[in-house]
Protein backbone atom coordinates (compact mmCIF):
# COMPACT_ATOMS: atom_id res chain seq x y z
CA MET A 1 -54.49 -0.86 -14.87
CA PHE A 2 -51.30 0.90 -15.74
CA THR A 3 -51.42 4.36 -17.27
CA LEU A 4 -47.73 4.31 -18.14
CA ARG A 5 -45.47 1.67 -19.57
CA LEU A 6 -44.34 -0.38 -16.56
CA SER A 7 -40.73 -0.31 -17.66
CA ALA A 8 -40.77 3.48 -17.63
CA VAL A 9 -42.24 3.47 -14.13
CA LEU A 10 -39.59 1.07 -12.89
CA LEU A 11 -36.88 3.14 -14.53
CA SER A 12 -38.09 6.25 -12.71
CA MET A 13 -37.97 4.28 -9.45
CA GLY A 14 -34.42 3.18 -10.16
CA LEU A 15 -35.37 -0.52 -10.21
CA VAL A 16 -34.00 -1.20 -13.68
CA ALA A 17 -31.18 0.27 -15.60
CA SER A 18 -31.61 2.23 -18.80
CA VAL A 19 -31.10 -0.05 -21.79
CA SER A 20 -30.39 0.36 -25.45
CA ALA A 21 -31.62 -1.86 -28.23
CA GLN A 22 -28.24 -3.66 -28.12
CA SER A 23 -28.09 -4.38 -24.36
CA VAL A 24 -29.85 -6.85 -22.07
CA ARG A 25 -31.84 -5.79 -19.05
CA ASN A 26 -30.52 -6.69 -15.63
CA GLU A 27 -33.07 -9.41 -14.86
CA PRO A 28 -32.82 -12.96 -13.44
CA VAL A 29 -33.87 -14.24 -16.88
CA GLN A 30 -31.73 -14.07 -20.01
CA PRO A 31 -32.70 -14.33 -23.68
CA ILE A 32 -32.00 -17.41 -25.77
CA ALA A 33 -29.32 -17.12 -28.45
CA PRO A 34 -30.05 -18.63 -31.87
CA TYR A 35 -28.35 -21.95 -32.52
CA GLU A 36 -25.41 -21.94 -34.91
CA VAL A 37 -25.08 -25.18 -36.89
CA THR A 38 -21.44 -26.25 -37.14
CA ASP A 39 -21.97 -29.80 -38.44
CA PRO A 40 -25.02 -29.84 -40.74
CA ALA A 41 -24.44 -33.44 -41.87
CA LYS A 42 -24.56 -34.68 -38.27
CA VAL A 43 -27.64 -32.58 -37.50
CA GLU A 44 -29.39 -34.00 -40.57
CA LEU A 45 -28.48 -37.57 -39.63
CA GLY A 46 -29.72 -36.99 -36.09
CA LYS A 47 -32.96 -35.59 -37.44
CA LYS A 48 -33.56 -38.73 -39.49
CA LEU A 49 -32.96 -40.92 -36.46
CA PHE A 50 -35.23 -38.71 -34.33
CA PHE A 51 -38.10 -39.25 -36.79
CA ASP A 52 -37.39 -42.90 -37.63
CA PRO A 53 -39.91 -45.32 -36.03
CA ARG A 54 -37.74 -48.29 -37.01
CA LEU A 55 -35.76 -47.64 -33.83
CA SER A 56 -38.76 -49.09 -31.98
CA LYS A 57 -39.84 -52.70 -31.65
CA SER A 58 -43.18 -52.06 -33.32
CA GLY A 59 -41.81 -49.85 -36.09
CA PHE A 60 -44.46 -47.37 -35.00
CA ILE A 61 -42.89 -45.14 -32.33
CA SER A 62 -40.18 -42.56 -32.90
CA CYS A 63 -38.61 -39.91 -30.68
CA ASN A 64 -41.03 -37.48 -32.30
CA SER A 65 -43.99 -39.51 -31.02
CA CYS A 66 -43.50 -38.19 -27.50
CA HIS A 67 -41.58 -35.02 -28.42
CA ASN A 68 -43.72 -33.82 -31.29
CA MET A 69 -42.17 -30.95 -33.23
CA SER A 70 -45.64 -29.71 -34.14
CA MET A 71 -46.73 -29.53 -30.48
CA GLY A 72 -44.01 -27.64 -28.64
CA GLY A 73 -41.69 -30.65 -28.49
CA SER A 74 -44.11 -32.57 -26.24
CA ASP A 75 -47.18 -34.73 -26.86
CA ASN A 76 -49.94 -32.83 -25.00
CA ILE A 77 -51.20 -35.91 -23.17
CA LYS A 78 -51.01 -36.72 -19.46
CA THR A 79 -48.39 -39.43 -19.83
CA SER A 80 -47.07 -40.79 -23.10
CA ILE A 81 -48.23 -43.92 -24.91
CA GLY A 82 -45.49 -46.46 -25.52
CA ASP A 83 -44.99 -49.95 -26.89
CA ARG A 84 -48.13 -52.12 -26.90
CA TRP A 85 -50.19 -49.03 -25.97
CA GLN A 86 -48.68 -48.93 -22.49
CA GLN A 87 -49.34 -45.73 -20.54
CA GLY A 88 -46.09 -44.16 -19.44
CA PRO A 89 -45.46 -43.34 -15.77
CA ILE A 90 -44.66 -39.65 -16.16
CA ASN A 91 -45.39 -36.61 -18.31
CA SER A 92 -43.14 -36.18 -21.35
CA PRO A 93 -41.05 -33.00 -20.98
CA THR A 94 -40.46 -30.83 -24.01
CA VAL A 95 -37.33 -31.48 -26.06
CA LEU A 96 -37.19 -27.81 -27.07
CA ASN A 97 -34.30 -26.01 -25.37
CA SER A 98 -33.50 -29.25 -23.52
CA SER A 99 -29.79 -28.66 -24.14
CA LEU A 100 -30.07 -25.78 -21.64
CA ASN A 101 -31.07 -28.12 -18.78
CA LEU A 102 -28.50 -29.21 -16.19
CA THR A 103 -29.65 -32.82 -16.59
CA GLN A 104 -32.33 -34.76 -18.48
CA PHE A 105 -35.53 -36.52 -17.33
CA TRP A 106 -37.63 -35.32 -14.40
CA ASP A 107 -35.38 -37.13 -11.93
CA GLY A 108 -32.13 -36.11 -13.63
CA ARG A 109 -30.95 -39.67 -14.24
CA ALA A 110 -29.26 -38.71 -17.52
CA ASP A 111 -26.48 -36.13 -17.40
CA THR A 112 -26.55 -35.26 -21.11
CA LEU A 113 -28.83 -35.38 -24.12
CA LYS A 114 -26.66 -38.17 -25.48
CA ASP A 115 -27.23 -40.19 -22.31
CA GLN A 116 -30.96 -39.50 -22.55
CA ALA A 117 -31.31 -40.48 -26.20
CA GLY A 118 -30.57 -44.14 -25.62
CA GLY A 119 -33.03 -44.56 -22.77
CA PRO A 120 -36.39 -44.64 -24.59
CA ILE A 121 -35.11 -47.00 -27.30
CA ALA A 122 -34.44 -49.76 -24.78
CA ASN A 123 -37.25 -48.94 -22.36
CA PRO A 124 -39.89 -51.72 -22.57
CA MET A 125 -42.65 -49.21 -21.82
CA GLU A 126 -41.51 -46.72 -24.47
CA MET A 127 -39.95 -47.88 -27.74
CA GLY A 128 -39.60 -51.43 -26.47
CA PHE A 129 -36.46 -52.31 -28.45
CA THR A 130 -32.86 -53.10 -27.52
CA HIS A 131 -29.79 -51.16 -28.55
CA GLU A 132 -28.44 -54.26 -30.28
CA LEU A 133 -31.57 -54.72 -32.40
CA ALA A 134 -31.70 -51.02 -33.24
CA ILE A 135 -28.13 -51.17 -34.50
CA GLU A 136 -28.93 -54.30 -36.50
CA VAL A 137 -31.74 -52.43 -38.25
CA LEU A 138 -29.60 -49.39 -39.04
CA GLN A 139 -26.62 -51.49 -40.12
CA SER A 140 -28.84 -53.28 -42.65
CA ILE A 141 -29.86 -50.05 -44.41
CA PRO A 142 -27.18 -49.06 -46.97
CA GLN A 143 -28.01 -45.35 -47.01
CA TYR A 144 -27.69 -45.12 -43.24
CA VAL A 145 -24.37 -46.97 -43.32
CA GLU A 146 -23.08 -44.49 -45.89
CA GLU A 147 -24.29 -41.49 -43.87
CA PHE A 148 -22.69 -42.76 -40.67
CA LYS A 149 -19.45 -43.35 -42.57
CA THR A 150 -19.53 -39.78 -43.89
CA VAL A 151 -20.28 -38.25 -40.48
CA TYR A 152 -18.30 -40.54 -38.15
CA GLY A 153 -15.76 -42.18 -40.45
CA THR A 154 -16.87 -45.72 -39.66
CA GLU A 155 -19.13 -48.35 -41.17
CA GLU A 156 -19.39 -50.26 -37.90
CA LEU A 157 -22.24 -48.59 -36.06
CA THR A 158 -22.68 -48.56 -32.31
CA ILE A 159 -25.32 -46.99 -30.09
CA ASP A 160 -22.70 -44.34 -29.26
CA GLU A 161 -22.88 -42.81 -32.75
CA VAL A 162 -26.68 -43.11 -32.83
CA THR A 163 -27.23 -41.28 -29.56
CA ASP A 164 -24.60 -38.69 -30.40
CA ALA A 165 -26.30 -37.80 -33.68
CA ILE A 166 -29.74 -37.58 -32.05
CA ALA A 167 -28.32 -35.35 -29.30
CA VAL A 168 -26.68 -33.00 -31.81
CA PHE A 169 -29.99 -32.62 -33.62
CA GLU A 170 -31.78 -31.97 -30.33
CA GLU A 171 -29.20 -29.30 -29.45
CA SER A 172 -30.40 -27.37 -32.49
CA LEU A 173 -33.98 -27.22 -31.16
CA VAL A 174 -33.81 -23.84 -29.46
CA THR A 175 -36.54 -21.20 -29.62
CA PRO A 176 -35.14 -17.65 -29.68
CA ASN A 177 -36.98 -14.38 -30.21
CA ALA A 178 -39.82 -14.86 -27.75
CA ARG A 179 -41.50 -11.51 -27.17
CA PHE A 180 -40.18 -11.52 -23.62
CA ASP A 181 -36.65 -11.98 -24.99
CA LEU A 182 -37.15 -8.95 -27.21
CA TRP A 183 -38.20 -6.99 -24.11
CA LEU A 184 -35.10 -8.23 -22.29
CA LYS A 185 -33.04 -6.91 -25.17
CA GLY A 186 -34.53 -3.44 -24.79
CA ASP A 187 -37.74 -3.27 -26.84
CA ASP A 188 -40.13 -1.26 -24.64
CA ASN A 189 -43.08 -1.68 -26.98
CA VAL A 190 -43.22 -5.44 -27.47
CA LEU A 191 -45.17 -6.32 -24.30
CA THR A 192 -48.50 -5.09 -23.01
CA ASP A 193 -48.95 -3.53 -19.59
CA GLN A 194 -50.72 -6.70 -18.45
CA GLU A 195 -47.82 -8.90 -19.57
CA LEU A 196 -45.29 -6.64 -17.87
CA GLU A 197 -47.26 -6.60 -14.64
CA GLY A 198 -47.49 -10.38 -14.88
CA TYR A 199 -43.71 -10.57 -15.07
CA MET A 200 -43.32 -8.30 -12.05
CA LEU A 201 -45.70 -10.53 -10.09
CA PHE A 202 -43.74 -13.56 -11.27
CA ARG A 203 -40.45 -11.97 -10.26
CA ASN A 204 -41.39 -10.23 -7.03
CA ASN A 205 -43.34 -13.16 -5.56
CA GLY A 206 -40.37 -15.50 -5.90
CA CYS A 207 -41.23 -17.61 -8.96
CA VAL A 208 -37.79 -16.70 -10.37
CA ALA A 209 -36.09 -18.42 -7.44
CA CYS A 210 -36.61 -21.65 -9.41
CA HIS A 211 -37.61 -20.47 -12.89
CA ASN A 212 -34.62 -18.34 -13.80
CA GLY A 213 -31.73 -18.17 -16.26
CA VAL A 214 -31.95 -18.63 -20.00
CA ASN A 215 -34.39 -21.55 -19.78
CA LEU A 216 -36.55 -20.21 -16.93
CA GLY A 217 -35.99 -23.52 -15.20
CA GLY A 218 -34.10 -26.73 -15.77
CA SER A 219 -31.19 -25.64 -13.56
CA SER A 220 -32.16 -27.13 -10.18
CA PHE A 221 -34.18 -29.79 -8.39
CA GLN A 222 -36.97 -28.62 -6.10
CA LYS A 223 -39.52 -30.29 -3.88
CA MET A 224 -43.03 -30.39 -5.32
CA GLY A 225 -45.15 -29.05 -2.48
CA VAL A 226 -43.08 -26.80 -0.20
CA VAL A 227 -45.83 -24.99 1.70
CA GLU A 228 -48.63 -27.48 1.10
CA PRO A 229 -48.27 -31.13 0.01
CA TYR A 230 -49.05 -31.94 -3.61
CA GLN A 231 -51.75 -34.59 -3.90
CA THR A 232 -51.23 -37.09 -6.71
CA ASP A 233 -51.72 -40.77 -7.49
CA ASN A 234 -48.57 -40.78 -9.64
CA PRO A 235 -45.94 -43.13 -8.15
CA ALA A 236 -42.88 -41.17 -9.34
CA GLU A 237 -40.48 -40.55 -6.46
CA GLY A 238 -38.39 -37.86 -8.13
CA ARG A 239 -34.70 -37.38 -7.46
CA SER A 240 -34.60 -39.98 -4.67
CA ALA A 241 -35.00 -42.73 -7.28
CA VAL A 242 -31.55 -41.73 -8.56
CA THR A 243 -29.73 -40.72 -5.38
CA GLY A 244 -31.29 -43.17 -2.94
CA VAL A 245 -31.51 -40.29 -0.47
CA ASP A 246 -34.88 -40.06 1.24
CA ALA A 247 -34.55 -36.27 1.56
CA ASP A 248 -34.67 -36.10 -2.25
CA ARG A 249 -38.09 -37.74 -2.37
CA PHE A 250 -40.54 -35.74 -4.48
CA ASN A 251 -37.77 -33.43 -5.67
CA PHE A 252 -38.03 -32.97 -9.42
CA LYS A 253 -36.06 -31.04 -11.98
CA VAL A 254 -37.69 -27.64 -12.34
CA PRO A 255 -39.29 -27.63 -15.81
CA THR A 256 -38.50 -24.92 -18.31
CA LEU A 257 -41.21 -22.33 -18.83
CA ARG A 258 -40.08 -21.68 -22.38
CA ASN A 259 -43.02 -22.29 -24.75
CA VAL A 260 -45.11 -23.32 -21.75
CA GLU A 261 -48.27 -22.20 -23.53
CA LEU A 262 -47.69 -25.11 -25.94
CA THR A 263 -46.58 -27.86 -23.55
CA TYR A 264 -49.71 -28.69 -21.56
CA PRO A 265 -50.68 -30.66 -19.51
CA TYR A 266 -48.44 -29.58 -16.65
CA PHE A 267 -46.39 -31.04 -13.79
CA HIS A 268 -44.62 -34.39 -13.66
CA ASP A 269 -47.92 -36.25 -13.52
CA GLY A 270 -49.58 -34.23 -16.30
CA ALA A 271 -52.54 -33.64 -14.00
CA VAL A 272 -53.17 -29.97 -14.80
CA ASP A 273 -54.53 -28.91 -18.18
CA THR A 274 -54.39 -25.11 -18.01
CA LEU A 275 -51.87 -22.42 -17.12
CA THR A 276 -54.50 -20.74 -14.95
CA GLU A 277 -54.76 -23.81 -12.72
CA ALA A 278 -50.99 -24.37 -12.78
CA VAL A 279 -50.30 -20.81 -11.60
CA ASP A 280 -52.86 -21.16 -8.82
CA ILE A 281 -51.39 -24.45 -7.59
CA MET A 282 -47.78 -23.27 -7.80
CA GLY A 283 -48.63 -20.08 -5.94
CA ARG A 284 -50.27 -21.93 -3.07
CA LEU A 285 -48.04 -25.00 -2.81
CA GLN A 286 -44.63 -23.49 -3.50
CA LEU A 287 -44.99 -19.90 -2.33
CA GLY A 288 -47.91 -19.84 0.10
CA ARG A 289 -49.40 -17.15 -2.15
CA HIS A 290 -53.08 -17.05 -3.15
CA PHE A 291 -53.14 -15.05 -6.37
CA THR A 292 -56.32 -13.14 -7.18
CA ASP A 293 -58.03 -13.85 -10.49
CA GLU A 294 -56.53 -10.67 -11.94
CA GLU A 295 -53.03 -11.49 -10.71
CA ASN A 296 -53.34 -15.02 -12.06
CA ALA A 297 -54.47 -13.72 -15.46
CA ASN A 298 -51.56 -11.29 -15.56
CA ILE A 299 -49.02 -14.02 -14.80
CA VAL A 300 -50.57 -16.26 -17.46
CA ALA A 301 -50.35 -13.40 -19.95
CA PHE A 302 -46.63 -13.08 -19.14
CA LEU A 303 -46.05 -16.82 -19.50
CA LYS A 304 -47.50 -16.71 -23.01
CA THR A 305 -44.79 -14.21 -24.01
CA LEU A 306 -42.22 -16.98 -23.54
CA THR A 307 -43.21 -18.75 -26.78
CA GLY A 308 -40.28 -18.35 -29.15
CA ASP A 309 -39.60 -19.13 -32.79
CA GLN A 310 -40.42 -22.81 -33.24
CA PRO A 311 -37.88 -24.94 -35.13
CA GLN A 312 -38.79 -24.99 -38.81
CA ILE A 313 -38.42 -28.69 -39.50
CA ILE A 314 -38.44 -30.07 -43.02
CA LEU A 315 -39.48 -33.66 -42.51
CA PRO A 316 -36.65 -35.99 -43.53
CA ILE A 317 -37.13 -38.61 -46.20
CA LEU A 318 -35.95 -41.71 -44.41
CA PRO A 319 -33.76 -44.21 -46.25
CA PRO A 320 -35.71 -47.30 -47.34
CA SER A 321 -35.26 -50.62 -45.59
CA HIS A 322 -33.19 -53.25 -47.38
CA ASP A 323 -34.45 -56.73 -48.15
CA ASP A 324 -32.39 -57.95 -45.18
CA THR A 325 -33.65 -55.29 -42.76
CA PRO A 326 -35.43 -56.87 -39.77
CA ARG A 327 -39.11 -56.07 -39.94
CA PRO A 328 -41.14 -54.62 -37.07
CA ILE A 329 -42.42 -56.99 -34.41
CA PRO A 330 -46.23 -56.66 -34.38
CA PHE A 331 -48.22 -56.32 -31.20
CA ASP A 332 -49.39 -59.63 -29.75
């Protein structure tokens, strides 16, 4: 156990620079900046669409179903449940801080949040609809037509405006002010000795080679199982499904560790329920490192300091359907 604050020890060793309350420590991780809303009407419209289950065939599933704002922007189940109670093929990544990722989806098949937003609507295993039918529903609701006209200057809706609005709302879902961010900004008293030692283990054993930057991940694709193969029954191929390159097989986008305490279960197959097990597996398979129980506990303690301010969402009151609005298609 430490008898001195770890940061003071490192400072005396010359491993970190002296910082003031206004500066950021020289670390491979950077703090998240709060989001500044520049178009509140578009954000509000996107929020309504994000929560509106009428964009699904059944009228039951919304974006929030799999990216629940009350559960760290994920759904806390192994793989998501979609149209007709179908079990999805892969774990639902958090939508929080997703704008900080280089691409979207585990295999990176969508370059932007806007590209991503249209996928689940038309996926038969997710929302089970079509873009054409979704637009027909929205176009039949007078309040939506008026809102789209105000925001986009047109009464003729297309999926382009729908996905743009959803993406702008999702861009607002950042989580600043995690305790670790406050430490990065110079607060020497915000973390415990255990949490600080956990970060040093995380940094010095190479975890930051993949989990770095503002989002502690999301900026590269890496093979799952570098030192030892990862055993799973999940059929997902990873990046090779997009590139067609066999060398990309089982390469997945590195997930963000922001709010990781909230976004269990872990990995692309959702096979691991706890951070303790996830740290053990990642240490062995990616780094060839067998962490002791104490080291594992320290790293887990650090990971829990990455939970930031959760978006304070006031649930939108969705505009009512019109008499002519197509009704949901019930399950067979």
